[in-house]
Amino acid sequence: MPESTMIGAASRIADVRAGHINYLPVGLFGAVMGLTGLSVAWRLAYVRYAVSPWIANFLAVTAVFAFLAMSIAYLVKCITAPESVKAEFSHPIAGNMFGTIFVSMLLLPIVVAPVNVLIARAMWSIGAIGIVGFAWLVATRWLRVLQNRIDVTPAWIIPVVGLLDIPLAVPRLGLNFLHGVMVFGLGVGLFFATPLFTLIFQRQLFEPPMPDALKPSALILVAPSAVGFSSYVATAGHPDLFAESLYAVTLFLLAVLLGHLRHLPACCPFRVSWWAVSFPLAACAIAGLRFATFHSGLAVNGLALALLGLVTLIIGWLLVRTLVGIARGELRALSI
């Protein structure tokens, strides 16, 4: 093992023992969301195009290990640096990222169910209760406390619009008797998506640009329509005109926002905040593959495969770059 790697590993162990992981952002759970979403996308490709299932399985295992690692690390942070956690939770922007914990627990059951459906159901139940409670808390805080328009960023979508993720795993878990819960998540999520998107779009037009570290989060704007499409299909059982409209909106927003992704390396160096692009992009690939399942055609299938390839390359690069950063002991610097 290279000396630099050994020094980096020793430094990380010392940091954990000393409780010096107060820099660890809760938003890093977004990596779990992205990896899980990509695993689901490859599973759909396996069903639709008979590709090898090993990619989906590898990504599923990676997502589970990432969730366990983040859970342990953030628990250590809660114990050793509670004031830092409290400050992060109270922050008008970073506080919204706590929703990524519960969304991860709503998505992971999709890939865990084939192995152990009881664990998957338990995880989904905790995630569903957690995201509903968190959404209520955040929405209440928005109405009670005067907000600053400069703090309105795409991260605001996560807490309440995150309810759209509730229906996704229900069919796989065999919990179809919870149809009312699925409708609740779908309805509330879509209802809040419109005003929040309008606020964020207005902030982008009339306020100073977001800080460089937050610019990757612009891709979150495509998540409501992409996840909304999959959530609607999971709840209704089949796509209709409204679902197809959501997919059309997804493609248009993705075409607009990919320009931001192209200029990202020039605007700021790599940070773990770049993982904010992973799940929205994975959701687009999932939507494309689901759409192709119901609507065959060369263009439809070609677009679905193109989205899958693009997302795989981006998330693969994010994973490798993050692991390299951790091996070099750069996690603190990458978290700033």
Protein backbone atom coordinates (compact mmCIF):
# COMPACT_ATOMS: atom_id res chain seq x y z
CA MET A 1 0.00 0.00 0.00
CA PRO A 2 1.45 3.43 -0.92
CA GLU A 3 2.67 5.53 2.00
CA SER A 4 0.31 8.40 1.12
CA THR A 5 -2.68 6.04 1.23
CA MET A 6 -1.59 4.65 4.63
CA ILE A 7 -1.17 8.16 6.01
CA GLY A 8 -4.60 9.14 4.66
CA ALA A 9 -6.22 6.07 6.23
CA ALA A 10 -4.52 6.72 9.58
CA SER A 11 -5.67 10.33 9.47
CA ARG A 12 -9.26 9.28 8.84
CA ILE A 13 -9.20 6.78 11.71
CA ALA A 14 -7.78 9.47 14.01
CA ASP A 15 -10.48 11.88 12.89
CA VAL A 16 -13.24 9.39 13.70
CA ARG A 17 -11.75 8.54 17.10
CA ALA A 18 -11.45 12.22 17.93
CA GLY A 19 -14.96 12.88 16.70
CA HIS A 20 -13.65 15.12 13.94
CA ILE A 21 -16.24 14.27 11.32
CA ASN A 22 -18.40 17.28 12.01
CA TYR A 23 -17.75 18.31 8.39
CA LEU A 24 -19.62 15.27 7.00
CA PRO A 25 -22.66 16.62 5.13
CA VAL A 26 -25.98 14.81 5.47
CA GLY A 27 -26.52 15.48 1.77
CA LEU A 28 -24.01 12.73 1.02
CA PHE A 29 -26.95 10.34 1.44
CA GLY A 30 -27.78 11.61 -2.03
CA ALA A 31 -25.09 9.22 -3.26
CA VAL A 32 -27.18 6.33 -1.92
CA MET A 33 -30.19 7.67 -3.82
CA GLY A 34 -28.20 7.94 -7.05
CA LEU A 35 -26.67 4.47 -6.79
CA THR A 36 -30.01 2.89 -5.93
CA GLY A 37 -31.73 4.71 -8.78
CA LEU A 38 -29.09 3.54 -11.23
CA SER A 39 -29.46 -0.03 -9.97
CA VAL A 40 -33.23 0.16 -10.57
CA ALA A 41 -32.59 1.54 -14.06
CA TRP A 42 -30.29 -1.36 -14.94
CA ARG A 43 -32.81 -3.81 -13.51
CA LEU A 44 -35.42 -2.36 -15.87
CA ALA A 45 -32.91 -2.70 -18.73
CA TYR A 46 -32.41 -6.34 -17.73
CA VAL A 47 -36.16 -6.95 -17.93
CA ARG A 48 -36.66 -4.94 -21.12
CA TYR A 49 -33.53 -5.71 -23.12
CA ALA A 50 -32.25 -8.90 -21.42
CA VAL A 51 -28.89 -7.32 -20.50
CA SER A 52 -26.79 -9.02 -17.86
CA PRO A 53 -28.16 -8.47 -14.32
CA TRP A 54 -24.71 -8.24 -12.72
CA ILE A 55 -24.50 -4.46 -13.16
CA ALA A 56 -27.81 -3.94 -11.35
CA ASN A 57 -26.74 -6.35 -8.60
CA PHE A 58 -23.35 -4.70 -8.17
CA LEU A 59 -24.93 -1.26 -7.90
CA ALA A 60 -27.51 -2.56 -5.42
CA VAL A 61 -24.79 -3.97 -3.16
CA THR A 62 -22.79 -0.75 -3.49
CA ALA A 63 -25.85 1.33 -2.56
CA VAL A 64 -26.53 -0.79 0.53
CA PHE A 65 -22.93 -0.54 1.70
CA ALA A 66 -22.92 3.21 1.04
CA PHE A 67 -26.08 3.59 3.13
CA LEU A 68 -24.61 1.57 6.01
CA ALA A 69 -21.34 3.50 5.89
CA MET A 70 -23.09 6.87 5.82
CA SER A 71 -25.49 5.85 8.60
CA ILE A 72 -22.65 4.80 10.89
CA ALA A 73 -20.56 7.87 10.08
CA TYR A 74 -23.45 10.28 10.60
CA LEU A 75 -24.42 8.54 13.83
CA VAL A 76 -20.87 9.15 15.04
CA LYS A 77 -21.30 12.79 14.06
CA CYS A 78 -24.57 12.97 16.00
CA ILE A 79 -22.85 11.60 19.11
CA THR A 80 -19.58 13.50 18.90
CA ALA A 81 -20.72 16.77 17.32
CA PRO A 82 -24.42 17.29 18.16
CA GLU A 83 -24.14 21.07 17.85
CA SER A 84 -22.89 20.69 14.29
CA VAL A 85 -25.84 18.42 13.47
CA LYS A 86 -28.25 20.89 15.05
CA ALA A 87 -26.76 23.77 13.07
CA GLU A 88 -27.01 21.75 9.84
CA PHE A 89 -30.63 20.83 10.56
CA SER A 90 -31.56 24.46 11.28
CA HIS A 91 -29.84 25.81 8.17
CA PRO A 92 -32.39 27.11 5.62
CA ILE A 93 -30.64 25.25 2.77
CA ALA A 94 -28.67 22.35 4.26
CA GLY A 95 -31.53 21.40 6.56
CA ASN A 96 -33.59 20.24 3.60
CA MET A 97 -30.98 17.61 2.80
CA PHE A 98 -32.01 15.55 5.83
CA GLY A 99 -34.80 14.36 3.58
CA THR A 100 -32.21 12.35 1.63
CA ILE A 101 -32.01 9.93 4.57
CA PHE A 102 -35.69 9.05 4.34
CA VAL A 103 -35.77 9.04 0.54
CA SER A 104 -32.84 6.58 0.59
CA MET A 105 -34.93 4.34 2.87
CA LEU A 106 -37.83 4.53 0.41
CA LEU A 107 -35.65 3.60 -2.57
CA LEU A 108 -33.40 0.90 -1.11
CA PRO A 109 -36.31 -1.53 -0.48
CA ILE A 110 -36.71 -1.84 -4.25
CA VAL A 111 -33.30 -3.54 -4.48
CA VAL A 112 -33.41 -5.20 -1.05
CA ALA A 113 -36.81 -6.89 -1.52
CA PRO A 114 -35.51 -9.73 -3.76
CA VAL A 115 -33.12 -10.69 -0.94
CA ASN A 116 -35.29 -10.11 2.14
CA VAL A 117 -38.77 -8.67 1.77
CA LEU A 118 -39.31 -8.29 5.54
CA ILE A 119 -36.26 -6.05 5.94
CA ALA A 120 -37.31 -4.14 2.83
CA ARG A 121 -40.81 -3.58 4.21
CA ALA A 122 -39.45 -2.44 7.58
CA MET A 123 -37.05 -0.02 5.90
CA TRP A 124 -39.80 1.35 3.65
CA SER A 125 -42.13 1.84 6.62
CA ILE A 126 -39.51 3.85 8.52
CA GLY A 127 -38.73 5.88 5.40
CA ALA A 128 -42.40 6.59 4.67
CA ILE A 129 -43.17 7.69 8.22
CA GLY A 130 -39.96 9.69 8.35
CA ILE A 131 -40.48 11.58 5.08
CA VAL A 132 -44.10 12.44 5.98
CA GLY A 133 -43.05 13.76 9.38
CA PHE A 134 -40.10 15.65 7.93
CA ALA A 135 -42.22 17.14 5.15
CA TRP A 136 -44.78 18.32 7.71
CA LEU A 137 -42.04 19.84 9.87
CA VAL A 138 -40.40 21.69 6.99
CA ALA A 139 -43.69 22.95 5.51
CA THR A 140 -44.71 24.19 8.96
CA ARG A 141 -41.38 25.98 9.36
CA TRP A 142 -41.77 27.63 5.96
CA LEU A 143 -45.14 29.07 6.97
CA ARG A 144 -44.16 30.16 10.47
CA VAL A 145 -40.78 31.75 9.79
CA LEU A 146 -40.15 34.55 7.29
CA GLN A 147 -37.95 33.12 4.53
CA ASN A 148 -35.17 34.84 2.61
CA ARG A 149 -35.56 34.57 -1.17
CA ILE A 150 -31.82 34.08 -1.55
CA ASP A 151 -32.14 30.82 0.41
CA VAL A 152 -34.61 29.33 -2.07
CA THR A 153 -32.57 26.66 -3.86
CA PRO A 154 -33.43 23.36 -5.59
CA ALA A 155 -32.74 21.59 -2.27
CA TRP A 156 -36.12 22.92 -1.10
CA ILE A 157 -37.74 20.32 -3.37
CA ILE A 158 -36.43 17.37 -1.36
CA PRO A 159 -38.53 17.45 1.86
CA VAL A 160 -42.09 17.76 0.53
CA VAL A 161 -41.77 16.70 -3.11
CA GLY A 162 -39.81 13.75 -1.74
CA LEU A 163 -43.22 12.28 -0.88
CA LEU A 164 -43.37 11.26 -4.54
CA ASP A 165 -40.93 8.46 -3.67
CA ILE A 166 -43.42 6.75 -1.35
CA PRO A 167 -45.28 4.77 -4.05
CA LEU A 168 -42.21 3.55 -5.95
CA ALA A 169 -41.40 0.43 -3.91
CA VAL A 170 -44.97 -0.52 -2.95
CA PRO A 171 -45.66 -2.89 -5.90
CA ARG A 172 -42.33 -4.67 -5.38
CA LEU A 173 -43.05 -5.08 -1.65
CA GLY A 174 -46.50 -6.54 -2.23
CA LEU A 175 -48.18 -3.77 -0.23
CA ASN A 176 -50.82 -2.87 -2.79
CA PHE A 177 -53.42 -2.57 -0.02
CA LEU A 178 -51.65 0.72 0.80
CA HIS A 179 -53.05 2.31 -2.35
CA GLY A 180 -54.36 5.25 -0.32
CA VAL A 181 -50.86 5.92 1.00
CA MET A 182 -49.54 5.83 -2.55
CA VAL A 183 -52.17 8.34 -3.66
CA PHE A 184 -51.29 10.56 -0.67
CA GLY A 185 -47.58 10.63 -1.56
CA LEU A 186 -48.29 11.18 -5.25
CA GLY A 187 -50.90 13.91 -4.70
CA VAL A 188 -49.06 15.94 -2.07
CA GLY A 189 -45.74 15.61 -3.88
CA LEU A 190 -47.13 16.82 -7.20
CA PHE A 191 -49.15 19.58 -5.51
CA PHE A 192 -46.08 21.13 -3.89
CA ALA A 193 -43.84 20.57 -6.93
CA THR A 194 -45.46 23.41 -8.90
CA PRO A 195 -45.13 26.29 -6.39
CA LEU A 196 -41.66 25.21 -5.31
CA PHE A 197 -40.46 24.97 -8.91
CA THR A 198 -41.90 28.45 -9.53
CA LEU A 199 -40.11 29.91 -6.49
CA ILE A 200 -36.80 28.33 -7.47
CA PHE A 201 -37.13 29.38 -11.10
CA GLN A 202 -37.92 32.93 -10.01
CA ARG A 203 -34.88 32.96 -7.73
CA GLN A 204 -32.70 31.80 -10.62
CA LEU A 205 -34.00 34.62 -12.82
CA PHE A 206 -34.02 37.59 -10.45
CA GLU A 207 -31.46 36.88 -7.72
CA PRO A 208 -27.65 36.55 -7.79
CA PRO A 209 -26.36 33.18 -8.97
CA MET A 210 -26.13 30.37 -6.44
CA PRO A 211 -22.70 29.73 -4.87
CA ASP A 212 -20.54 27.38 -6.92
CA ALA A 213 -20.95 24.55 -4.39
CA LEU A 214 -24.73 24.65 -4.89
CA LYS A 215 -24.78 24.82 -8.68
CA PRO A 216 -24.91 21.02 -9.15
CA SER A 217 -28.22 21.04 -7.28
CA ALA A 218 -29.86 22.70 -10.30
CA LEU A 219 -30.38 19.19 -11.71
CA ILE A 220 -32.79 18.52 -8.85
CA LEU A 221 -35.34 20.58 -10.81
CA VAL A 222 -35.86 17.66 -13.18
CA ALA A 223 -36.62 15.24 -10.35
CA PRO A 224 -40.31 16.15 -9.69
CA SER A 225 -41.43 15.33 -13.22
CA ALA A 226 -39.15 12.29 -13.60
CA VAL A 227 -40.03 10.76 -10.24
CA GLY A 228 -43.61 11.95 -10.68
CA PHE A 229 -43.89 9.88 -13.87
CA SER A 230 -42.64 6.68 -12.19
CA SER A 231 -44.71 7.33 -9.08
CA TYR A 232 -47.85 7.92 -11.15
CA VAL A 233 -47.32 4.73 -13.16
CA ALA A 234 -46.67 2.74 -9.97
CA THR A 235 -49.87 4.09 -8.43
CA ALA A 236 -52.16 3.93 -11.49
CA GLY A 237 -50.64 0.74 -12.89
CA HIS A 238 -50.23 2.11 -16.41
CA PRO A 239 -49.28 5.39 -18.13
CA ASP A 240 -51.94 7.69 -19.51
CA LEU A 241 -51.90 11.13 -21.11
CA PHE A 242 -50.96 12.85 -17.84
CA ALA A 243 -48.08 10.44 -17.25
CA GLU A 244 -46.85 10.95 -20.79
CA SER A 245 -46.98 14.72 -20.21
CA LEU A 246 -44.78 14.32 -17.14
CA TYR A 247 -42.27 12.37 -19.21
CA ALA A 248 -42.32 15.09 -21.90
CA VAL A 249 -41.64 17.75 -19.25
CA THR A 250 -38.79 15.58 -17.94
CA LEU A 251 -37.10 15.44 -21.34
CA PHE A 252 -37.46 19.19 -21.91
CA LEU A 253 -36.07 20.13 -18.49
CA LEU A 254 -33.23 17.66 -18.88
CA ALA A 255 -32.28 19.21 -22.23
CA VAL A 256 -32.21 22.63 -20.59
CA LEU A 257 -30.34 21.60 -17.43
CA LEU A 258 -27.70 19.42 -19.07
CA GLY A 259 -26.07 22.67 -20.14
CA HIS A 260 -25.39 23.41 -16.46
CA LEU A 261 -23.79 20.00 -16.13
CA ARG A 262 -21.47 20.69 -19.06
CA HIS A 263 -20.09 23.85 -17.46
CA LEU A 264 -19.84 22.39 -13.96
CA PRO A 265 -16.13 21.40 -14.02
CA ALA A 266 -15.21 24.92 -15.10
CA CYS A 267 -17.20 26.70 -12.39
CA CYS A 268 -15.97 24.79 -9.35
CA PRO A 269 -13.67 21.89 -8.35
CA PHE A 270 -15.17 18.51 -7.49
CA ARG A 271 -17.12 18.36 -4.24
CA VAL A 272 -19.34 15.67 -2.76
CA SER A 273 -22.20 18.10 -3.43
CA TRP A 274 -21.88 17.04 -7.08
CA TRP A 275 -23.75 13.88 -6.05
CA ALA A 276 -26.87 16.06 -6.15
CA VAL A 277 -27.01 15.38 -9.90
CA SER A 278 -27.03 11.59 -9.50
CA PHE A 279 -30.57 10.75 -8.45
CA PRO A 280 -32.35 13.25 -10.74
CA LEU A 281 -30.41 11.82 -13.69
CA ALA A 282 -31.09 8.25 -12.57
CA ALA A 283 -34.79 9.13 -12.26
CA CYS A 284 -34.72 10.34 -15.88
CA ALA A 285 -33.21 7.04 -17.02
CA ILE A 286 -35.81 5.09 -15.03
CA ALA A 287 -38.61 7.17 -16.55
CA GLY A 288 -37.22 6.56 -20.04
CA LEU A 289 -37.01 2.81 -19.51
CA ARG A 290 -40.49 2.65 -17.97
CA PHE A 291 -41.87 4.64 -20.90
CA ALA A 292 -40.16 2.26 -23.33
CA THR A 293 -41.81 -0.68 -21.57
CA PHE A 294 -45.24 0.61 -22.56
CA HIS A 295 -44.38 2.34 -25.85
CA SER A 296 -42.10 0.41 -28.17
CA GLY A 297 -40.29 2.05 -31.05
CA LEU A 298 -36.79 2.72 -32.29
CA ALA A 299 -36.69 6.33 -31.08
CA VAL A 300 -38.21 5.52 -27.68
CA ASN A 301 -35.84 2.62 -27.04
CA GLY A 302 -32.85 4.53 -28.37
CA LEU A 303 -33.56 7.45 -26.06
CA ALA A 304 -34.00 5.15 -23.05
CA LEU A 305 -30.67 3.44 -23.71
CA ALA A 306 -28.94 6.78 -24.32
CA LEU A 307 -30.19 8.09 -20.97
CA LEU A 308 -29.05 4.91 -19.24
CA GLY A 309 -25.60 5.17 -20.79
CA LEU A 310 -25.22 8.85 -19.92
CA VAL A 311 -26.29 8.37 -16.32
CA THR A 312 -24.07 5.32 -15.90
CA LEU A 313 -21.01 7.26 -17.07
CA ILE A 314 -21.74 10.23 -14.80
CA ILE A 315 -22.52 8.25 -11.65
CA GLY A 316 -19.63 5.88 -12.34
CA TRP A 317 -17.27 8.86 -12.51
CA LEU A 318 -18.72 10.35 -9.32
CA LEU A 319 -18.24 7.05 -7.50
CA VAL A 320 -14.65 6.60 -8.63
CA ARG A 321 -13.75 10.24 -7.90
CA THR A 322 -15.28 10.06 -4.43
CA LEU A 323 -13.51 6.81 -3.56
CA VAL A 324 -10.21 8.26 -4.78
CA GLY A 325 -10.80 11.34 -2.62
CA ILE A 326 -11.52 9.18 0.43
CA ALA A 327 -8.40 7.07 -0.21
CA ARG A 328 -6.34 10.28 -0.38
CA GLY A 329 -7.83 11.59 2.86
CA GLU A 330 -9.55 14.47 1.05
CA LEU A 331 -13.09 13.92 2.36
CA ARG A 332 -12.97 16.98 4.59
CA ALA A 333 -11.86 19.23 1.73
CA LEU A 334 -14.39 17.69 -0.66
CA SER A 335 -17.20 18.30 1.84
CA ILE A 336 -16.67 22.06 2.11
